[in-house]
C-alpha cells in the first residue's frame, strides 16, 4: 500500500505528493487499507487486509497505530480472520475491504468476505466499544451472519463505503457468475440506536426506482412505453453548456459488450460500450446541449442486441463541477466512451 498526500481540503485542487509505502515492520502482502481517527483520543489507526506469512492461503484483518496519516508506528495486531462457513466457502479464505463508521459508542468495521470472484462474496460486521483498547484483539467482536449477501437477482455484494447521510456504496457482480466484472450500486441503510450498529436491508431490486440521495440534482425523465433498439428524445435544456444525461439500457447477450451510437442535435456524435448485466443499467454521460429544444438520438449498433428504456436530464441547478465529476466517476467505473 502507498500514500499520496494533498494539503488542500478539496481533492480536485492542489497537488498530490508521494509519501511512500504504508507498512508495518513485517512488510507482508497488504491491500485495502483504511485510516480512521478515534473520536475520543484523536489517535490515528490503520486497518487493512493482509497475509500472515508469504503464501496466499488466507487474508486477515490487521490494525496498527499511526503517528501520522502515512506512518505506522506499532506492530500489526490481528483483529479478524475467516472462520464462519460464509467466509471459508472458497479458497483462499478472505476477509478484506475494511471500512470504519462510528455511531454513538460503537466503532463499526464493515468488511467483505468469501471469494470476490464468486456469487458468495458478501459483507460482514465487526464491532468494538469506543472506550475499548483497539489494539487488543479481544475488543473486536464479529457478527456470526453476513450483513449483506446475494439476493433479488443481484450477486456478490462487497467493498462497501458508508456516507454520512446513510448511503451504502458498494459493488456487485454485473450478472450471475460474472466474477470480477462488476457494477457500482448504492442503497440506504439505517441505525440500531440501542447498540450503535448499521442495519442493512436486503439488496434492493435493481429494476425498481429509489429516492435520490440528499443534495443529488433532480432529474427530468423521458421514458418510453416499451424498450426499443432506437429512440429519439426531444429534451428541453434551460441553458447552453454541459449537462449530465442518464441513459437506462440493457444488454441482451451475456459476456458481450453492447454498442450504442448517440447523436446530439444531428451533429455531435458519441459511441458508448456497455457491459452485459442481468438488469437495467444507468449510464451517466456529460454532453453539450443548447438552450431550448435538443434532439438526442440513441441507437443500438453492432452485432450485440440491446434495449433503451429511458433518458434522464440531470438538473444543472447544482454546481456544474459536482455533476460532471459524478458523471466522470461513474463512467470510468462502468463503461468506455469514445468521442468522435
Protein backbone atom coordinates (compact mmCIF):
# COMPACT_ATOMS: atom_id res chain seq x y z
CA UNK A 1 0.00 0.00 0.00
CA UNK A 2 1.20 3.51 -0.79
CA UNK A 3 0.19 7.04 0.22
CA UNK A 4 -0.44 10.21 -1.80
CA UNK A 5 -1.00 13.41 0.21
CA UNK A 6 -2.70 16.65 -0.79
CA UNK A 7 -2.77 19.51 1.74
CA UNK A 8 -5.80 21.07 0.02
CA UNK A 9 -9.14 20.08 1.59
CA UNK A 10 -10.64 19.92 -1.91
CA UNK A 11 -9.10 16.84 -3.61
CA UNK A 12 -9.73 18.42 -7.02
CA UNK A 13 -7.44 21.31 -6.09
CA UNK A 14 -3.77 21.42 -5.14
CA UNK A 15 -1.16 18.77 -5.88
CA UNK A 16 -0.65 15.26 -4.57
CA UNK A 17 2.74 14.34 -3.15
CA UNK A 18 4.03 10.77 -2.96
CA UNK A 19 4.62 9.86 0.70
CA UNK A 20 5.89 6.35 0.15
CA UNK A 21 4.79 2.91 1.27
CA UNK A 22 2.41 2.42 4.19
CA UNK A 23 3.52 -0.74 6.02
CA UNK A 24 4.35 -2.24 9.38
CA UNK A 25 7.69 -3.85 10.23
CA UNK A 26 6.72 -7.23 8.71
CA UNK A 27 6.17 -5.70 5.26
CA UNK A 28 3.88 -8.59 4.36
CA UNK A 29 1.44 -8.53 1.44
CA UNK A 30 -1.34 -6.00 2.20
CA UNK A 31 -4.33 -4.38 0.47
CA UNK A 32 -7.49 -2.35 1.19
CA UNK A 33 -6.03 -0.04 3.82
CA UNK A 34 -8.34 2.39 5.60
CA UNK A 35 -7.44 5.07 8.16
CA UNK A 36 -9.69 6.43 10.91
CA UNK A 37 -9.36 8.88 13.78
CA UNK A 38 -10.53 7.81 17.24
CA UNK A 39 -13.27 10.28 18.26
CA UNK A 40 -12.13 10.44 21.90
CA UNK A 41 -8.33 10.28 21.78
CA UNK A 42 -7.89 11.70 18.24
CA UNK A 43 -5.32 8.96 17.61
CA UNK A 44 -5.00 7.53 14.10
CA UNK A 45 -5.33 3.84 13.27
CA UNK A 46 -4.84 1.86 10.07
CA UNK A 47 -6.81 -1.30 9.28
CA UNK A 48 -6.04 -3.48 6.27
CA UNK A 49 -6.26 -6.98 4.81
CA UNK A 50 -3.04 -8.98 4.66
CA UNK A 51 -1.25 -12.28 4.70
CA UNK A 52 0.03 -13.85 7.88
CA UNK A 53 3.06 -15.24 6.04
CA UNK A 54 4.27 -15.28 2.45
CA UNK A 55 1.75 -17.70 0.92
CA UNK A 56 -1.75 -16.82 -0.33
CA UNK A 57 -3.84 -19.11 1.86
CA UNK A 58 -5.83 -16.57 3.92
CA UNK A 59 -6.47 -12.84 4.14
CA UNK A 60 -6.65 -11.50 7.70
CA UNK A 61 -7.72 -8.08 9.00
CA UNK A 62 -5.00 -6.23 10.93
CA UNK A 63 -4.93 -2.98 12.91
CA UNK A 64 -1.96 -0.76 13.78
CA UNK A 65 -1.44 2.61 15.44
CA UNK A 66 -0.25 5.55 13.33
CA UNK A 67 1.91 8.56 14.17
CA UNK A 68 0.56 10.46 11.14
CA UNK A 69 -1.62 9.66 8.09
CA UNK A 70 1.26 7.96 6.27
CA UNK A 71 3.30 6.27 9.04
CA UNK A 72 2.53 3.15 11.11
CA UNK A 73 4.35 3.23 14.46
CA UNK A 74 3.26 -0.04 16.09
CA UNK A 75 3.21 -3.74 15.43
CA UNK A 76 0.26 -5.08 13.48
CA UNK A 77 -2.43 -6.85 15.52
CA UNK A 78 -4.85 -9.39 14.08
CA UNK A 79 -8.48 -8.50 14.77
CA UNK A 80 -10.32 -10.93 12.45
CA UNK A 81 -9.74 -13.94 10.25
CA UNK A 82 -12.22 -16.05 8.22
CA UNK A 83 -13.88 -18.61 10.48
CA UNK A 84 -17.59 -18.85 9.63
CA UNK A 85 -18.90 -21.02 6.77
CA UNK A 86 -19.86 -17.96 4.69
CA UNK A 87 -16.24 -16.75 4.96
CA UNK A 88 -14.50 -20.05 4.23
CA UNK A 89 -16.53 -21.50 1.34
CA UNK A 90 -13.81 -20.69 -1.22
CA UNK A 91 -10.04 -20.86 -1.21
CA UNK A 92 -8.13 -18.80 -0.29
CA UNK A 93 -10.24 -17.74 2.70
CA UNK A 94 -10.77 -13.99 2.66
CA UNK A 95 -11.56 -11.07 4.98
CA UNK A 96 -10.91 -7.78 3.17
CA UNK A 97 -12.28 -4.35 2.25
CA UNK A 98 -12.48 -2.90 5.81
CA UNK A 99 -14.41 0.36 6.24
CA UNK A 100 -14.95 2.13 9.58
CA UNK A 101 -18.01 4.13 10.61
CA UNK A 102 -18.64 5.23 14.21
CA UNK A 103 -22.10 5.69 15.70
CA UNK A 104 -22.71 6.64 19.34
CA UNK A 105 -20.46 4.35 21.42
CA UNK A 106 -19.75 1.75 18.73
CA UNK A 107 -16.89 1.50 16.26
CA UNK A 108 -18.28 -0.44 13.30
CA UNK A 109 -15.94 -2.19 10.91
CA UNK A 110 -17.78 -3.30 7.77
CA UNK A 111 -15.77 -5.81 5.73
CA UNK A 112 -16.05 -8.20 2.77
CA UNK A 113 -15.69 -11.98 2.92
CA UNK A 114 -15.54 -15.12 0.77
CA UNK A 115 -14.25 -15.21 -2.81
CA UNK A 116 -14.59 -11.85 -4.55
CA UNK A 117 -14.69 -13.75 -7.86
CA UNK A 118 -17.83 -15.68 -6.83
CA UNK A 119 -21.53 -15.10 -6.16
CA UNK A 120 -20.83 -15.86 -2.49
CA UNK A 121 -18.95 -12.61 -1.90
CA UNK A 122 -20.71 -10.80 0.94
CA UNK A 123 -20.32 -8.19 3.66
CA UNK A 124 -19.95 -8.70 7.40
CA UNK A 125 -19.61 -6.61 10.57
CA UNK A 126 -17.05 -6.40 13.38
CA UNK A 127 -17.55 -4.03 16.32
CA UNK A 128 -15.65 -2.55 19.24
CA UNK A 129 -16.74 -0.23 22.05
CA UNK A 130 -15.49 3.31 21.72
CA UNK A 131 -13.67 3.10 25.08
CA UNK A 132 -12.06 -0.30 24.42
CA UNK A 133 -8.37 -0.89 23.74
CA UNK A 134 -8.45 -1.20 19.96
CA UNK A 135 -5.03 -2.88 19.90
CA UNK A 136 -6.43 -5.77 21.94
CA UNK A 137 -7.95 -8.46 19.65
CA UNK A 138 -10.47 -9.32 22.38
CA UNK A 139 -12.05 -5.87 21.96
CA UNK A 140 -13.36 -6.78 18.50
CA UNK A 141 -16.48 -8.94 18.05
CA UNK A 142 -17.54 -10.39 14.70
CA UNK A 143 -21.22 -10.92 13.90
CA UNK A 144 -21.98 -14.55 13.03
CA UNK A 145 -24.14 -13.77 9.97
CA UNK A 146 -23.37 -11.56 6.95
CA UNK A 147 -24.83 -8.05 6.75
CA UNK A 148 -25.44 -8.23 3.01
CA UNK A 149 -25.44 -11.17 0.60
CA UNK A 150 -26.70 -12.22 -2.83
CA UNK A 151 -30.47 -11.86 -3.35
CA UNK A 152 -33.13 -10.22 -5.54
CA UNK A 153 -31.22 -11.03 -8.71
CA UNK A 154 -28.01 -9.34 -7.51
CA UNK A 155 -24.87 -11.28 -6.71
CA UNK A 156 -21.68 -10.85 -4.70
CA UNK A 157 -22.09 -7.51 -2.85
CA UNK A 158 -18.83 -6.23 -1.40
CA UNK A 159 -16.36 -3.44 -0.65
CA UNK A 160 -18.86 -1.07 0.93
CA UNK A 161 -18.33 2.60 1.71
CA UNK A 162 -20.75 4.34 4.07
CA UNK A 163 -21.67 8.01 3.82
CA UNK A 164 -22.73 10.48 6.50
CA UNK A 165 -26.30 10.59 5.17
CA UNK A 166 -26.68 6.80 5.47
CA UNK A 167 -25.99 5.56 1.96
CA UNK A 168 -24.05 2.36 1.35
CA UNK A 169 -21.96 2.45 -1.85
CA UNK A 170 -20.72 -0.96 -2.98
CA UNK A 171 -20.20 -3.19 -5.98
CA UNK A 172 -21.93 -6.36 -7.13
CA UNK A 173 -21.32 -8.81 -9.94
CA UNK A 174 -22.66 -7.45 -13.23
CA UNK A 175 -24.58 -10.70 -13.72
CA UNK A 176 -24.91 -14.19 -12.27
CA UNK A 177 -21.43 -15.72 -12.30
CA UNK A 178 -19.67 -12.68 -13.79
CA UNK A 179 -16.77 -12.84 -11.33
CA UNK A 180 -14.76 -9.62 -11.33
CA UNK A 181 -16.99 -7.95 -13.95
CA UNK A 182 -18.85 -5.58 -11.62
CA UNK A 183 -21.25 -2.68 -11.27
CA UNK A 184 -21.41 0.11 -8.69
CA UNK A 185 -24.61 0.32 -6.60
CA UNK A 186 -25.96 2.23 -3.63
CA UNK A 187 -28.82 1.88 -1.19
CA UNK A 188 -29.97 3.36 2.10
CA UNK A 189 -29.16 1.86 5.49
CA UNK A 190 -30.34 2.80 8.99
CA UNK A 191 -29.07 2.54 12.58
CA UNK A 192 -29.86 0.37 15.55
CA UNK A 193 -29.92 3.10 18.18
CA UNK A 194 -29.61 0.58 21.03
CA UNK A 195 -26.27 -0.94 20.07
CA UNK A 196 -25.00 1.60 17.52
CA UNK A 197 -24.69 -0.86 14.60
CA UNK A 198 -25.82 -0.32 11.00
CA UNK A 199 -28.94 -2.04 9.69
CA UNK A 200 -28.63 -3.22 6.09
CA UNK A 201 -31.85 -4.33 4.45
CA UNK A 202 -31.73 -6.95 1.71
CA UNK A 203 -30.31 -5.91 -1.65
CA UNK A 204 -32.68 -3.50 -3.40
CA UNK A 205 -34.43 -4.77 -6.52
CA UNK A 206 -32.30 -3.18 -9.27
CA UNK A 207 -35.29 -2.68 -11.56
CA UNK A 208 -37.27 -0.57 -9.08
CA UNK A 209 -36.60 3.18 -8.67
CA UNK A 210 -35.27 4.57 -5.39
CA UNK A 211 -35.35 8.05 -3.87
CA UNK A 212 -32.37 10.18 -4.90
CA UNK A 213 -29.74 10.84 -2.22
CA UNK A 214 -29.85 14.16 -0.36
CA UNK A 215 -28.39 17.06 -2.39
CA UNK A 216 -28.36 14.97 -5.57
CA UNK A 217 -29.53 17.09 -8.54
CA UNK A 218 -33.10 16.40 -9.59
CA UNK A 219 -33.80 14.71 -12.90
CA UNK A 220 -36.40 15.10 -15.64
CA UNK A 221 -37.23 11.68 -17.06
CA UNK A 222 -38.15 10.93 -20.66
CA UNK A 223 -39.47 7.37 -20.60
CA UNK A 224 -40.64 5.10 -23.42
CA UNK A 225 -43.73 2.91 -23.23
CA UNK A 226 -41.68 -0.16 -24.15
CA UNK A 227 -37.93 -0.80 -24.53
CA UNK A 228 -36.62 -0.26 -28.08
CA UNK A 229 -33.38 -0.55 -30.05
CA UNK A 230 -33.60 3.03 -31.34
CA UNK A 231 -35.14 6.15 -29.80
CA UNK A 232 -35.13 9.90 -30.35
CA UNK A 233 -35.71 12.11 -27.31
CA UNK A 234 -36.69 15.78 -27.53
CA UNK A 235 -35.02 17.34 -24.50
CA UNK A 236 -35.53 20.85 -23.09
CA UNK A 237 -32.37 22.45 -21.64
CA UNK A 238 -32.65 25.78 -19.82
CA UNK A 239 -29.06 26.83 -20.56
CA UNK A 240 -26.30 26.25 -23.09
CA UNK A 241 -23.44 24.17 -21.75
CA UNK A 242 -22.57 20.74 -20.43
CA UNK A 243 -25.39 18.65 -19.00
CA UNK A 244 -25.43 15.18 -17.50
CA UNK A 245 -27.78 12.67 -19.07
CA UNK A 246 -28.56 9.24 -17.63
CA UNK A 247 -29.50 6.53 -20.10
CA UNK A 248 -31.21 3.35 -18.94
CA UNK A 249 -30.12 0.44 -21.13
CA UNK A 250 -29.95 -3.34 -21.05
CA UNK A 251 -27.74 -5.77 -22.94
CA UNK A 252 -29.22 -8.97 -24.34
CA UNK A 253 -26.27 -11.34 -24.61
CA UNK A 254 -24.13 -12.47 -21.69
CA UNK A 255 -20.39 -11.70 -21.72
CA UNK A 256 -20.83 -9.46 -24.77
CA UNK A 257 -20.44 -5.68 -24.93
CA UNK A 258 -23.36 -3.77 -26.41
CA UNK A 259 -22.64 -0.68 -28.51
CA UNK A 260 -24.76 2.45 -28.74
CA UNK A 261 -24.50 5.49 -31.00
CA UNK A 262 -25.53 8.85 -29.51
CA UNK A 263 -26.14 11.85 -31.78
CA UNK A 264 -26.84 15.28 -30.25
CA UNK A 265 -28.76 17.75 -32.47
CA UNK A 266 -27.79 15.81 -35.60
CA UNK A 267 -24.13 16.79 -35.20
CA UNK A 268 -22.12 15.84 -32.11
CA UNK A 269 -21.58 12.07 -32.03
CA UNK A 270 -20.58 9.69 -29.24
CA UNK A 271 -20.27 5.93 -29.10
CA UNK A 272 -20.88 4.05 -25.88
CA UNK A 273 -19.85 0.50 -24.99
CA UNK A 274 -21.94 -1.10 -22.22
CA UNK A 275 -21.07 -4.31 -20.40
CA UNK A 276 -23.69 -7.01 -20.04
CA UNK A 277 -25.87 -7.09 -16.93
CA UNK A 278 -28.83 -9.22 -15.89
CA UNK A 279 -30.62 -5.98 -15.05
CA UNK A 280 -31.15 -2.48 -16.40
CA UNK A 281 -28.06 -0.28 -16.13
CA UNK A 282 -27.94 3.51 -15.70
CA UNK A 283 -25.18 5.06 -17.79
CA UNK A 284 -24.04 8.61 -16.97
CA UNK A 285 -22.55 10.84 -19.67
CA UNK A 286 -21.76 14.57 -19.86
CA UNK A 287 -22.89 16.15 -23.15
CA UNK A 288 -23.12 19.68 -24.50
CA UNK A 289 -26.64 20.96 -25.15
CA UNK A 290 -28.01 24.26 -26.37
CA UNK A 291 -30.59 26.36 -24.56
CA UNK A 292 -34.09 25.24 -25.54
CA UNK A 293 -35.02 22.17 -27.57
CA UNK A 294 -32.44 19.47 -28.30
CA UNK A 295 -32.71 16.10 -30.01
CA UNK A 296 -30.83 13.15 -28.57
CA UNK A 297 -30.81 10.16 -30.88
CA UNK A 298 -29.88 6.77 -29.38
CA UNK A 299 -29.29 3.67 -31.49
CA UNK A 300 -28.15 0.17 -30.62
CA UNK A 301 -25.38 -0.58 -33.13
CA UNK A 302 -23.13 -3.56 -33.71
CA UNK A 303 -23.82 -7.27 -33.55
CA UNK A 304 -24.92 -7.50 -29.91
CA UNK A 305 -28.58 -6.54 -29.31
CA UNK A 306 -29.52 -4.10 -26.58
CA UNK A 307 -32.51 -2.08 -25.42
CA UNK A 308 -33.14 1.55 -24.43
CA UNK A 309 -35.84 2.37 -21.89
CA UNK A 310 -35.43 5.95 -20.68
CA UNK A 311 -33.29 9.09 -20.60
CA UNK A 312 -32.91 11.44 -17.63
CA UNK A 313 -31.73 15.04 -17.91
CA UNK A 314 -30.00 15.98 -14.66
CA UNK A 315 -30.78 19.45 -13.30
CA UNK A 316 -27.95 21.99 -13.60
CA UNK A 317 -29.14 23.98 -10.58
CA UNK A 318 -26.31 22.48 -8.52
CA UNK A 319 -22.66 23.21 -9.12
CA UNK A 320 -21.63 22.08 -12.57
CA UNK A 321 -18.33 20.60 -11.43
CA UNK A 322 -20.18 18.38 -8.95
CA UNK A 323 -22.47 16.97 -11.64
CA UNK A 324 -19.72 16.50 -14.18
CA UNK A 325 -17.46 14.91 -11.60
CA UNK A 326 -20.14 12.38 -10.71
CA UNK A 327 -20.61 11.56 -14.38
CA UNK A 328 -16.91 11.08 -14.97
CA UNK A 329 -16.51 8.89 -11.88
CA UNK A 330 -19.35 6.57 -12.79
CA UNK A 331 -18.38 6.44 -16.43
CA UNK A 332 -14.84 5.41 -15.54
CA UNK A 333 -16.16 2.60 -13.37
CA UNK A 334 -18.93 1.38 -15.63
CA UNK A 335 -18.20 1.75 -19.31
CA UNK A 336 -15.96 3.06 -22.06
CA UNK A 337 -16.94 6.07 -24.14
CA UNK A 338 -15.30 7.39 -27.28
CA UNK A 339 -15.70 10.89 -28.72
CA UNK A 340 -15.72 11.29 -32.49
